[in-house]
Amino acid sequence: MKVEVILRTKGQPEAVVGEAEGDTWPEIRRELPKLMRNLADEFENTMDDQEVPDVASDV
């Protein structure tokens, strides 16, 4: 089983920003908080005052 965190922004190609693999849902579920923390850290480390494109409406 594999779960991917995909970032989708208007006018940009989709990007896989995290993924986890495991044999069972509980294994995957334990990895999800770490994936979200890594994504949040990435945003915090690259924050600036530039405009950010709109998120795709079909998310």
PDB file of N, CA and C in Angstrom:
ATOM      1  N   MET A   1       0.856  -1.153   0.000  1.00  0.00           N
ATOM      2  CA  MET A   1       0.000   0.000   0.000  1.00  0.00           C
ATOM      3  C   MET A   1       0.911   1.228   0.000  1.00  0.00           C
ATOM      4  N   LYS A   2       0.517   2.240  -0.776  1.00  0.00           N
ATOM      5  CA  LYS A   2       1.312   3.457  -0.879  1.00  0.00           C
ATOM      6  C   LYS A   2       0.388   4.672  -0.823  1.00  0.00           C
ATOM      7  N   VAL A   3       0.797   5.692  -0.073  1.00  0.00           N
ATOM      8  CA  VAL A   3       0.067   6.947   0.008  1.00  0.00           C
ATOM      9  C   VAL A   3       1.010   8.050  -0.437  1.00  0.00           C
ATOM     10  N   GLU A   4       0.511   8.937  -1.312  1.00  0.00           N
ATOM     11  CA  GLU A   4       1.300  10.074  -1.759  1.00  0.00           C
ATOM     12  C   GLU A   4       0.597  11.361  -1.367  1.00  0.00           C
ATOM     13  N   VAL A   5       1.366  12.341  -0.934  1.00  0.00           N
ATOM     14  CA  VAL A   5       0.862  13.689  -0.702  1.00  0.00           C
ATOM     15  C   VAL A   5       1.229  14.472  -1.952  1.00  0.00           C
ATOM     16  N   ILE A   6       0.209  14.985  -2.642  1.00  0.00           N
ATOM     17  CA  ILE A   6       0.424  15.663  -3.924  1.00  0.00           C
ATOM     18  C   ILE A   6       0.048  17.135  -3.775  1.00  0.00           C
ATOM     19  N   LEU A   7       0.949  18.006  -4.191  1.00  0.00           N
ATOM     20  CA  LEU A   7       0.683  19.438  -4.201  1.00  0.00           C
ATOM     21  C   LEU A   7       0.220  19.811  -5.601  1.00  0.00           C
ATOM     22  N   ARG A   8      -0.965  20.423  -5.670  1.00  0.00           N
ATOM     23  CA  ARG A   8      -1.556  20.800  -6.943  1.00  0.00           C
ATOM     24  C   ARG A   8      -1.822  22.306  -6.925  1.00  0.00           C
ATOM     25  N   THR A   9      -1.178  23.058  -7.798  1.00  0.00           N
ATOM     26  CA  THR A   9      -1.401  24.495  -7.876  1.00  0.00           C
ATOM     27  C   THR A   9      -1.761  24.870  -9.304  1.00  0.00           C
ATOM     28  N   LYS A  10      -2.564  25.896  -9.427  1.00  0.00           N
ATOM     29  CA  LYS A  10      -3.040  26.340 -10.729  1.00  0.00           C
ATOM     30  C   LYS A  10      -1.862  26.718 -11.628  1.00  0.00           C
ATOM     31  N   GLY A  11      -1.864  26.172 -12.836  1.00  0.00           N
ATOM     32  CA  GLY A  11      -0.840  26.504 -13.810  1.00  0.00           C
ATOM     33  C   GLY A  11       0.488  25.798 -13.610  1.00  0.00           C
ATOM     34  N   GLN A  12       0.565  24.910 -12.642  1.00  0.00           N
ATOM     35  CA  GLN A  12       1.808  24.195 -12.378  1.00  0.00           C
ATOM     36  C   GLN A  12       1.549  22.683 -12.438  1.00  0.00           C
ATOM     37  N   PRO A  13       2.566  21.918 -12.805  1.00  0.00           N
ATOM     38  CA  PRO A  13       2.376  20.464 -12.765  1.00  0.00           C
ATOM     39  C   PRO A  13       2.248  19.984 -11.322  1.00  0.00           C
ATOM     40  N   GLU A  14       1.533  18.883 -11.148  1.00  0.00           N
ATOM     41  CA  GLU A  14       1.422  18.284  -9.818  1.00  0.00           C
ATOM     42  C   GLU A  14       2.792  17.850  -9.348  1.00  0.00           C
ATOM     43  N   ALA A  15       3.008  17.909  -8.031  1.00  0.00           N
ATOM     44  CA  ALA A  15       4.277  17.484  -7.458  1.00  0.00           C
ATOM     45  C   ALA A  15       4.010  16.580  -6.269  1.00  0.00           C
ATOM     46  N   VAL A  16       4.654  15.422  -6.239  1.00  0.00           N
ATOM     47  CA  VAL A  16       4.587  14.545  -5.073  1.00  0.00           C
ATOM     48  C   VAL A  16       5.526  15.139  -4.039  1.00  0.00           C
ATOM     49  N   VAL A  17       4.960  15.547  -2.900  1.00  0.00           N
ATOM     50  CA  VAL A  17       5.757  16.194  -1.867  1.00  0.00           C
ATOM     51  C   VAL A  17       5.974  15.288  -0.655  1.00  0.00           C
ATOM     52  N   GLY A  18       5.484  14.074  -0.730  1.00  0.00           N
ATOM     53  CA  GLY A  18       5.693  13.102   0.326  1.00  0.00           C
ATOM     54  C   GLY A  18       5.039  11.797  -0.041  1.00  0.00           C
ATOM     55  N   GLU A  19       5.578  10.727   0.494  1.00  0.00           N
ATOM     56  CA  GLU A  19       4.960   9.423   0.264  1.00  0.00           C
ATOM     57  C   GLU A  19       5.337   8.474   1.380  1.00  0.00           C
ATOM     58  N   ALA A  20       4.471   7.503   1.592  1.00  0.00           N
ATOM     59  CA  ALA A  20       4.697   6.482   2.610  1.00  0.00           C
ATOM     60  C   ALA A  20       4.218   5.148   2.060  1.00  0.00           C
ATOM     61  N   GLU A  21       4.894   4.099   2.473  1.00  0.00           N
ATOM     62  CA  GLU A  21       4.503   2.753   2.076  1.00  0.00           C
ATOM     63  C   GLU A  21       4.387   1.874   3.311  1.00  0.00           C
ATOM     64  N   GLY A  22       3.505   0.920   3.241  1.00  0.00           N
ATOM     65  CA  GLY A  22       3.332  -0.031   4.332  1.00  0.00           C
ATOM     66  C   GLY A  22       2.443  -1.169   3.878  1.00  0.00           C
ATOM     67  N   ASP A  23       2.419  -2.207   4.672  1.00  0.00           N
ATOM     68  CA  ASP A  23       1.608  -3.376   4.341  1.00  0.00           C
ATOM     69  C   ASP A  23       0.169  -3.250   4.812  1.00  0.00           C
ATOM     70  N   THR A  24      -0.062  -2.419   5.831  1.00  0.00           N
ATOM     71  CA  THR A  24      -1.411  -2.285   6.385  1.00  0.00           C
ATOM     72  C   THR A  24      -1.758  -0.814   6.561  1.00  0.00           C
ATOM     73  N   TRP A  25      -3.067  -0.531   6.684  1.00  0.00           N
ATOM     74  CA  TRP A  25      -3.509   0.840   6.906  1.00  0.00           C
ATOM     75  C   TRP A  25      -2.927   1.417   8.201  1.00  0.00           C
ATOM     76  N   PRO A  26      -2.888   0.674   9.316  1.00  0.00           N
ATOM     77  CA  PRO A  26      -2.288   1.249  10.527  1.00  0.00           C
ATOM     78  C   PRO A  26      -0.827   1.682  10.314  1.00  0.00           C
ATOM     79  N   GLU A  27      -0.068   0.929   9.532  1.00  0.00           N
ATOM     80  CA  GLU A  27       1.311   1.330   9.251  1.00  0.00           C
ATOM     81  C   GLU A  27       1.346   2.649   8.485  1.00  0.00           C
ATOM     82  N   ILE A  28       0.506   2.756   7.472  1.00  0.00           N
ATOM     83  CA  ILE A  28       0.445   3.982   6.683  1.00  0.00           C
ATOM     84  C   ILE A  28      -0.028   5.140   7.560  1.00  0.00           C
ATOM     85  N   ARG A  29      -1.061   4.895   8.349  1.00  0.00           N
ATOM     86  CA  ARG A  29      -1.626   5.953   9.188  1.00  0.00           C
ATOM     87  C   ARG A  29      -0.586   6.509  10.158  1.00  0.00           C
ATOM     88  N   ARG A  30       0.315   5.680  10.646  1.00  0.00           N
ATOM     89  CA  ARG A  30       1.372   6.158  11.537  1.00  0.00           C
ATOM     90  C   ARG A  30       2.350   7.081  10.814  1.00  0.00           C
ATOM     91  N   GLU A  31       2.473   6.920   9.499  1.00  0.00           N
ATOM     92  CA  GLU A  31       3.400   7.741   8.717  1.00  0.00           C
ATOM     93  C   GLU A  31       2.804   9.088   8.312  1.00  0.00           C
ATOM     94  N   LEU A  32       1.486   9.190   8.251  1.00  0.00           N
ATOM     95  CA  LEU A  32       0.843  10.417   7.769  1.00  0.00           C
ATOM     96  C   LEU A  32       1.226  11.669   8.563  1.00  0.00           C
ATOM     97  N   PRO A  33       1.232  11.643   9.895  1.00  0.00           N
ATOM     98  CA  PRO A  33       1.627  12.860  10.614  1.00  0.00           C
ATOM     99  C   PRO A  33       3.050  13.317  10.254  1.00  0.00           C
ATOM    100  N   LYS A  34       3.956  12.358  10.070  1.00  0.00           N
ATOM    101  CA  LYS A  34       5.323  12.715   9.698  1.00  0.00           C
ATOM    102  C   LYS A  34       5.348  13.370   8.315  1.00  0.00           C
ATOM    103  N   LEU A  35       4.562  12.845   7.373  1.00  0.00           N
ATOM    104  CA  LEU A  35       4.491  13.443   6.043  1.00  0.00           C
ATOM    105  C   LEU A  35       3.979  14.879   6.119  1.00  0.00           C
ATOM    106  N   MET A  36       2.948  15.099   6.910  1.00  0.00           N
ATOM    107  CA  MET A  36       2.381  16.439   7.032  1.00  0.00           C
ATOM    108  C   MET A  36       3.361  17.396   7.715  1.00  0.00           C
ATOM    109  N   ARG A  37       4.077  16.911   8.749  1.00  0.00           N
ATOM    110  CA  ARG A  37       5.083  17.756   9.404  1.00  0.00           C
ATOM    111  C   ARG A  37       6.191  18.135   8.442  1.00  0.00           C
ATOM    112  N   ASN A  38       6.647  17.170   7.636  1.00  0.00           N
ATOM    113  CA  ASN A  38       7.693  17.456   6.652  1.00  0.00           C
ATOM    114  C   ASN A  38       7.230  18.507   5.646  1.00  0.00           C
ATOM    115  N   LEU A  39       5.980  18.393   5.202  1.00  0.00           N
ATOM    116  CA  LEU A  39       5.430  19.361   4.263  1.00  0.00           C
ATOM    117  C   LEU A  39       5.348  20.748   4.915  1.00  0.00           C
ATOM    118  N   ALA A  40       4.860  20.807   6.153  1.00  0.00           N
ATOM    119  CA  ALA A  40       4.765  22.088   6.860  1.00  0.00           C
ATOM    120  C   ALA A  40       6.150  22.695   7.055  1.00  0.00           C
ATOM    121  N   ASP A  41       7.135  21.878   7.421  1.00  0.00           N
ATOM    122  CA  ASP A  41       8.505  22.373   7.585  1.00  0.00           C
ATOM    123  C   ASP A  41       9.039  22.941   6.289  1.00  0.00           C
ATOM    124  N   GLU A  42       8.746  22.286   5.197  1.00  0.00           N
ATOM    125  CA  GLU A  42       9.212  22.749   3.892  1.00  0.00           C
ATOM    126  C   GLU A  42       8.618  24.127   3.568  1.00  0.00           C
ATOM    127  N   PHE A  43       7.319  24.303   3.849  1.00  0.00           N
ATOM    128  CA  PHE A  43       6.685  25.597   3.614  1.00  0.00           C
ATOM    129  C   PHE A  43       7.281  26.665   4.527  1.00  0.00           C
ATOM    130  N   GLU A  44       7.451  26.334   5.800  1.00  0.00           N
ATOM    131  CA  GLU A  44       7.983  27.317   6.746  1.00  0.00           C
ATOM    132  C   GLU A  44       9.399  27.736   6.384  1.00  0.00           C
ATOM    133  N   ASN A  45      10.190  26.810   5.889  1.00  0.00           N
ATOM    134  CA  ASN A  45      11.577  27.112   5.552  1.00  0.00           C
ATOM    135  C   ASN A  45      11.711  27.929   4.277  1.00  0.00           C
ATOM    136  N   THR A  46      10.657  27.996   3.479  1.00  0.00           N
ATOM    137  CA  THR A  46      10.736  28.723   2.213  1.00  0.00           C
ATOM    138  C   THR A  46       9.751  29.890   2.150  1.00  0.00           C
ATOM    139  N   MET A  47       9.206  30.288   3.307  1.00  0.00           N
ATOM    140  CA  MET A  47       8.233  31.375   3.333  1.00  0.00           C
ATOM    141  C   MET A  47       8.894  32.677   2.908  1.00  0.00           C
ATOM    142  N   ASP A  48       8.195  33.432   2.077  1.00  0.00           N
ATOM    143  CA  ASP A  48       8.606  34.778   1.711  1.00  0.00           C
ATOM    144  C   ASP A  48       7.359  35.576   1.371  1.00  0.00           C
ATOM    145  N   ASP A  49       7.517  36.799   0.966  1.00  0.00           N
ATOM    146  CA  ASP A  49       6.363  37.660   0.706  1.00  0.00           C
ATOM    147  C   ASP A  49       5.869  37.596  -0.731  1.00  0.00           C
ATOM    148  N   GLN A  50       6.353  36.672  -1.513  1.00  0.00           N
ATOM    149  CA  GLN A  50       5.917  36.569  -2.896  1.00  0.00           C
ATOM    150  C   GLN A  50       4.509  35.993  -2.966  1.00  0.00           C
ATOM    151  N   GLU A  51       3.800  36.342  -4.036  1.00  0.00           N
ATOM    152  CA  GLU A  51       2.448  35.835  -4.245  1.00  0.00           C
ATOM    153  C   GLU A  51       2.497  34.335  -4.512  1.00  0.00           C
ATOM    154  N   VAL A  52       1.512  33.609  -3.995  1.00  0.00           N
ATOM    155  CA  VAL A  52       1.401  32.170  -4.187  1.00  0.00           C
ATOM    156  C   VAL A  52       0.225  31.906  -5.114  1.00  0.00           C
ATOM    157  N   PRO A  53       0.396  31.061  -6.146  1.00  0.00           N
ATOM    158  CA  PRO A  53      -0.720  30.766  -7.051  1.00  0.00           C
ATOM    159  C   PRO A  53      -1.892  30.113  -6.318  1.00  0.00           C
ATOM    160  N   ASP A  54      -3.087  30.291  -6.872  1.00  0.00           N
ATOM    161  CA  ASP A  54      -4.277  29.661  -6.299  1.00  0.00           C
ATOM    162  C   ASP A  54      -4.166  28.153  -6.338  1.00  0.00           C
ATOM    163  N   VAL A  55      -4.748  27.495  -5.356  1.00  0.00           N
ATOM    164  CA  VAL A  55      -4.795  26.039  -5.345  1.00  0.00           C
ATOM    165  C   VAL A  55      -5.837  25.598  -6.360  1.00  0.00           C
ATOM    166  N   ALA A  56      -5.580  24.524  -7.059  1.00  0.00           N
ATOM    167  CA  ALA A  56      -6.515  24.003  -8.060  1.00  0.00           C
ATOM    168  C   ALA A  56      -7.872  23.751  -7.414  1.00  0.00           C
ATOM    169  N   SER A  57      -8.937  24.078  -8.104  1.00  0.00           N
ATOM    170  CA  SER A  57     -10.274  23.979  -7.537  1.00  0.00           C
ATOM    171  C   SER A  57     -10.782  22.550  -7.410  1.00  0.00           C
ATOM    172  N   ASP A  58     -10.163  21.601  -8.084  1.00  0.00           N
ATOM    173  CA  ASP A  58     -10.683  20.232  -8.048  1.00  0.00           C
ATOM    174  C   ASP A  58      -9.986  19.368  -6.999  1.00  0.00           C
ATOM    175  N   VAL A  59      -9.315  19.986  -6.045  1.00  0.00           N
ATOM    176  CA  VAL A  59      -8.624  19.234  -4.990  1.00  0.00           C
ATOM    177  C   VAL A  59      -9.619  18.675  -4.025  1.00  0.00           C
TER     178      VAL A  59
END
